[in-house]
Amino acid sequence: MKVRPRVTLSRVGLTFSTRVSTARSLAGRYVFLQRRTALGQWVSLKRVTLRATSAQTVAAASFRFTLPRGTSRVRILLPQAQAGGGYLAGISPVRTVVR
């Protein structure tokens, strides 16, 4: 049975933060910041490496990224290859960002 990691995305100003919760640490693995295009496709904009946190089951990253002007729908994708055996790909809830 495979389990989907819990992935979150938050934003304060120009800084985005993501957290990934699993039964084992994913520090050193990477996630992608993705933006939805007008055609409904998801395009990867930035690759971000996760770091360890004080909670051994949580990996996190903070990063800056400037989105184009207007409204953007963004999410974080943890590919299945980065999640490892026993895990499915993880996707954060979609966030709407107005710039």
N, C-alpha and C. Protein backbone atom coordinates (compact mmCIF):
# COMPACT_ATOMS: atom_id res chain seq x y z
N MET A 1 0.84 -1.17 0.00
CA MET A 1 0.00 0.00 0.00
C MET A 1 0.89 1.24 0.00
N LYS A 2 0.59 2.18 -0.86
CA LYS A 2 1.37 3.41 -0.95
C LYS A 2 0.63 4.55 -0.26
N VAL A 3 1.40 5.46 0.30
CA VAL A 3 0.86 6.58 1.06
C VAL A 3 1.30 7.88 0.39
N ARG A 4 0.42 8.87 0.39
CA ARG A 4 0.75 10.17 -0.20
C ARG A 4 1.30 11.09 0.89
N PRO A 5 2.50 11.67 0.70
CA PRO A 5 3.05 12.60 1.69
C PRO A 5 2.17 13.85 1.80
N ARG A 6 2.19 14.47 2.97
CA ARG A 6 1.46 15.72 3.17
C ARG A 6 2.38 16.87 2.77
N VAL A 7 1.94 17.66 1.80
CA VAL A 7 2.74 18.77 1.29
C VAL A 7 1.95 20.06 1.48
N THR A 8 2.60 21.08 2.05
CA THR A 8 1.94 22.37 2.24
C THR A 8 2.74 23.46 1.55
N LEU A 9 2.06 24.54 1.21
CA LEU A 9 2.69 25.71 0.59
C LEU A 9 2.11 26.95 1.25
N SER A 10 2.98 27.84 1.69
CA SER A 10 2.54 29.12 2.25
C SER A 10 3.40 30.23 1.67
N ARG A 11 2.92 31.46 1.81
CA ARG A 11 3.63 32.60 1.23
C ARG A 11 3.48 33.81 2.14
N VAL A 12 4.60 34.49 2.36
CA VAL A 12 4.61 35.77 3.07
C VAL A 12 5.45 36.71 2.23
N GLY A 13 4.82 37.72 1.64
CA GLY A 13 5.54 38.64 0.76
C GLY A 13 6.07 37.90 -0.45
N LEU A 14 7.37 38.01 -0.69
CA LEU A 14 8.00 37.33 -1.82
C LEU A 14 8.55 35.96 -1.45
N THR A 15 8.42 35.57 -0.19
CA THR A 15 9.00 34.31 0.28
C THR A 15 7.93 33.22 0.36
N PHE A 16 8.22 32.11 -0.30
CA PHE A 16 7.37 30.93 -0.25
C PHE A 16 7.99 29.94 0.73
N SER A 17 7.17 29.16 1.40
CA SER A 17 7.65 28.10 2.29
C SER A 17 6.87 26.84 1.99
N THR A 18 7.57 25.71 2.06
CA THR A 18 6.90 24.43 1.86
C THR A 18 7.36 23.47 2.95
N ARG A 19 6.47 22.57 3.33
CA ARG A 19 6.77 21.54 4.31
C ARG A 19 6.24 20.22 3.78
N VAL A 20 7.02 19.16 3.98
CA VAL A 20 6.63 17.83 3.54
C VAL A 20 6.70 16.90 4.75
N SER A 21 5.59 16.24 5.06
CA SER A 21 5.53 15.34 6.21
C SER A 21 5.42 13.90 5.73
N THR A 22 6.33 13.06 6.21
CA THR A 22 6.33 11.63 5.91
C THR A 22 6.81 10.89 7.16
N ALA A 23 6.80 9.56 7.11
CA ALA A 23 7.28 8.77 8.24
C ALA A 23 8.80 8.82 8.36
N ARG A 24 9.49 9.16 7.26
CA ARG A 24 10.95 9.30 7.29
C ARG A 24 11.33 10.63 6.65
N SER A 25 12.48 11.13 7.01
CA SER A 25 12.91 12.45 6.52
C SER A 25 13.20 12.42 5.02
N LEU A 26 12.81 13.48 4.35
CA LEU A 26 13.11 13.65 2.92
C LEU A 26 14.12 14.77 2.71
N ALA A 27 14.90 15.09 3.74
CA ALA A 27 15.92 16.13 3.61
C ALA A 27 16.90 15.74 2.50
N GLY A 28 17.24 16.72 1.66
CA GLY A 28 18.13 16.47 0.53
C GLY A 28 17.38 16.15 -0.75
N ARG A 29 16.11 15.80 -0.64
CA ARG A 29 15.28 15.55 -1.83
C ARG A 29 14.77 16.89 -2.33
N TYR A 30 14.14 16.90 -3.50
CA TYR A 30 13.67 18.18 -4.03
C TYR A 30 12.20 18.16 -4.40
N VAL A 31 11.64 19.36 -4.46
CA VAL A 31 10.26 19.59 -4.88
C VAL A 31 10.28 20.66 -5.97
N PHE A 32 9.17 20.80 -6.68
CA PHE A 32 9.05 21.80 -7.73
C PHE A 32 7.93 22.78 -7.40
N LEU A 33 8.19 24.08 -7.60
CA LEU A 33 7.14 25.09 -7.60
C LEU A 33 6.56 25.09 -9.01
N GLN A 34 5.25 24.92 -9.12
CA GLN A 34 4.59 24.87 -10.42
C GLN A 34 3.53 25.95 -10.53
N ARG A 35 3.32 26.42 -11.75
CA ARG A 35 2.30 27.43 -12.05
C ARG A 35 1.38 26.89 -13.13
N ARG A 36 0.09 27.14 -12.98
CA ARG A 36 -0.88 26.68 -13.96
C ARG A 36 -0.96 27.70 -15.10
N THR A 37 -0.87 27.20 -16.35
CA THR A 37 -0.93 28.08 -17.52
C THR A 37 -2.38 28.34 -17.88
N ALA A 38 -2.58 29.25 -18.83
CA ALA A 38 -3.93 29.57 -19.30
C ALA A 38 -4.59 28.36 -19.96
N LEU A 39 -3.77 27.42 -20.45
CA LEU A 39 -4.30 26.21 -21.09
C LEU A 39 -4.60 25.09 -20.08
N GLY A 40 -4.34 25.37 -18.80
CA GLY A 40 -4.64 24.38 -17.76
C GLY A 40 -3.51 23.41 -17.47
N GLN A 41 -2.35 23.61 -18.06
CA GLN A 41 -1.21 22.72 -17.83
C GLN A 41 -0.37 23.26 -16.67
N TRP A 42 0.30 22.37 -15.97
CA TRP A 42 1.19 22.77 -14.88
C TRP A 42 2.62 22.80 -15.40
N VAL A 43 3.30 23.94 -15.18
CA VAL A 43 4.67 24.14 -15.64
C VAL A 43 5.56 24.36 -14.42
N SER A 44 6.67 23.62 -14.35
CA SER A 44 7.61 23.79 -13.24
C SER A 44 8.42 25.06 -13.43
N LEU A 45 8.48 25.88 -12.38
CA LEU A 45 9.18 27.15 -12.42
C LEU A 45 10.50 27.11 -11.65
N LYS A 46 10.53 26.34 -10.58
CA LYS A 46 11.72 26.34 -9.73
C LYS A 46 11.84 25.00 -9.02
N ARG A 47 13.07 24.52 -8.92
CA ARG A 47 13.36 23.30 -8.17
C ARG A 47 13.98 23.72 -6.84
N VAL A 48 13.47 23.15 -5.75
CA VAL A 48 13.89 23.55 -4.41
C VAL A 48 14.29 22.31 -3.62
N THR A 49 15.45 22.36 -2.96
CA THR A 49 15.92 21.24 -2.15
C THR A 49 15.39 21.37 -0.73
N LEU A 50 14.87 20.28 -0.21
CA LEU A 50 14.32 20.25 1.15
C LEU A 50 15.45 20.11 2.17
N ARG A 51 15.27 20.68 3.34
CA ARG A 51 16.24 20.57 4.43
C ARG A 51 15.56 19.93 5.64
N ALA A 52 16.37 19.40 6.52
CA ALA A 52 15.84 18.77 7.74
C ALA A 52 15.32 19.85 8.68
N THR A 53 14.36 19.46 9.50
CA THR A 53 13.83 20.35 10.55
C THR A 53 14.01 19.65 11.89
N SER A 54 13.62 20.31 12.96
CA SER A 54 13.75 19.70 14.28
C SER A 54 12.84 18.48 14.42
N ALA A 55 11.74 18.47 13.71
CA ALA A 55 10.86 17.29 13.68
C ALA A 55 11.41 16.34 12.62
N GLN A 56 11.83 15.16 12.99
CA GLN A 56 12.51 14.26 12.06
C GLN A 56 11.64 13.80 10.91
N THR A 57 10.33 13.89 11.05
CA THR A 57 9.45 13.43 9.98
C THR A 57 9.02 14.55 9.05
N VAL A 58 9.57 15.75 9.23
CA VAL A 58 9.20 16.90 8.40
C VAL A 58 10.45 17.46 7.74
N ALA A 59 10.37 17.69 6.43
CA ALA A 59 11.42 18.39 5.69
C ALA A 59 10.79 19.69 5.18
N ALA A 60 11.60 20.74 5.08
CA ALA A 60 11.04 22.05 4.72
C ALA A 60 12.02 22.82 3.85
N ALA A 61 11.49 23.87 3.22
CA ALA A 61 12.32 24.78 2.43
C ALA A 61 11.63 26.12 2.36
N SER A 62 12.43 27.19 2.35
CA SER A 62 11.93 28.54 2.11
C SER A 62 12.71 29.09 0.94
N PHE A 63 12.02 29.82 0.07
CA PHE A 63 12.68 30.33 -1.13
C PHE A 63 11.94 31.55 -1.63
N ARG A 64 12.64 32.36 -2.43
CA ARG A 64 12.03 33.54 -3.04
C ARG A 64 11.81 33.27 -4.51
N PHE A 65 10.69 33.76 -5.00
CA PHE A 65 10.40 33.64 -6.42
C PHE A 65 9.44 34.75 -6.81
N THR A 66 9.74 35.44 -7.89
CA THR A 66 8.88 36.52 -8.37
C THR A 66 8.01 35.99 -9.49
N LEU A 67 6.72 36.00 -9.27
CA LEU A 67 5.77 35.55 -10.28
C LEU A 67 5.43 36.71 -11.22
N PRO A 68 4.94 36.41 -12.42
CA PRO A 68 4.54 37.49 -13.32
C PRO A 68 3.36 38.28 -12.74
N ARG A 69 3.20 39.50 -13.21
CA ARG A 69 2.08 40.32 -12.74
C ARG A 69 0.75 39.67 -13.09
N GLY A 70 -0.23 39.92 -12.25
CA GLY A 70 -1.55 39.33 -12.46
C GLY A 70 -1.80 38.23 -11.45
N THR A 71 -2.72 37.35 -11.78
CA THR A 71 -3.10 36.26 -10.89
C THR A 71 -2.45 34.97 -11.35
N SER A 72 -1.82 34.28 -10.42
CA SER A 72 -1.18 32.99 -10.71
C SER A 72 -1.72 31.95 -9.76
N ARG A 73 -1.89 30.75 -10.27
CA ARG A 73 -2.27 29.61 -9.44
C ARG A 73 -1.03 28.72 -9.34
N VAL A 74 -0.54 28.52 -8.11
CA VAL A 74 0.71 27.79 -7.91
C VAL A 74 0.50 26.63 -6.94
N ARG A 75 1.41 25.67 -7.01
CA ARG A 75 1.39 24.52 -6.11
C ARG A 75 2.82 23.98 -5.99
N ILE A 76 3.03 23.07 -5.05
CA ILE A 76 4.30 22.36 -4.90
C ILE A 76 4.06 20.91 -5.29
N LEU A 77 4.98 20.36 -6.08
CA LEU A 77 4.92 18.96 -6.49
C LEU A 77 6.14 18.23 -5.94
N LEU A 78 5.91 17.15 -5.22
CA LEU A 78 6.96 16.23 -4.79
C LEU A 78 6.84 15.01 -5.69
N PRO A 79 7.75 14.83 -6.67
CA PRO A 79 7.64 13.69 -7.58
C PRO A 79 7.76 12.36 -6.84
N GLN A 80 7.14 11.33 -7.35
CA GLN A 80 7.18 10.01 -6.72
C GLN A 80 8.62 9.52 -6.62
N ALA A 81 9.44 9.81 -7.60
CA ALA A 81 10.84 9.38 -7.57
C ALA A 81 11.59 10.00 -6.39
N GLN A 82 11.21 11.21 -5.98
CA GLN A 82 11.85 11.87 -4.84
C GLN A 82 11.22 11.42 -3.52
N ALA A 83 9.96 11.01 -3.55
CA ALA A 83 9.28 10.57 -2.34
C ALA A 83 9.84 9.23 -1.86
N GLY A 84 10.24 8.37 -2.81
CA GLY A 84 10.83 7.09 -2.45
C GLY A 84 9.81 5.97 -2.41
N GLY A 85 10.32 4.77 -2.14
CA GLY A 85 9.48 3.57 -2.12
C GLY A 85 8.39 3.65 -1.07
N GLY A 86 7.23 3.17 -1.42
CA GLY A 86 6.10 3.17 -0.50
C GLY A 86 5.31 4.46 -0.48
N TYR A 87 5.74 5.45 -1.27
CA TYR A 87 5.05 6.73 -1.30
C TYR A 87 4.61 7.10 -2.71
N LEU A 88 3.47 7.77 -2.79
CA LEU A 88 3.00 8.35 -4.04
C LEU A 88 3.56 9.76 -4.17
N ALA A 89 3.37 10.37 -5.32
CA ALA A 89 3.75 11.78 -5.49
C ALA A 89 2.90 12.62 -4.55
N GLY A 90 3.47 13.69 -4.04
CA GLY A 90 2.74 14.59 -3.15
C GLY A 90 2.50 15.92 -3.83
N ILE A 91 1.30 16.46 -3.67
CA ILE A 91 0.95 17.73 -4.29
C ILE A 91 0.28 18.60 -3.22
N SER A 92 0.74 19.84 -3.12
CA SER A 92 0.13 20.76 -2.15
C SER A 92 -1.20 21.27 -2.70
N PRO A 93 -2.05 21.80 -1.83
CA PRO A 93 -3.24 22.48 -2.33
C PRO A 93 -2.82 23.68 -3.19
N VAL A 94 -3.64 24.01 -4.17
CA VAL A 94 -3.35 25.14 -5.06
C VAL A 94 -3.57 26.45 -4.32
N ARG A 95 -2.63 27.38 -4.48
CA ARG A 95 -2.74 28.71 -3.89
C ARG A 95 -2.87 29.73 -5.00
N THR A 96 -3.76 30.69 -4.84
CA THR A 96 -3.90 31.77 -5.80
C THR A 96 -3.09 32.96 -5.29
N VAL A 97 -2.19 33.45 -6.15
CA VAL A 97 -1.31 34.55 -5.79
C VAL A 97 -1.59 35.71 -6.73
N VAL A 98 -1.90 36.88 -6.17
CA VAL A 98 -2.14 38.07 -6.97
C VAL A 98 -0.95 39.00 -6.79
N ARG A 99 -0.39 39.43 -7.90
CA ARG A 99 0.78 40.33 -7.85
C ARG A 99 0.48 41.55 -8.67
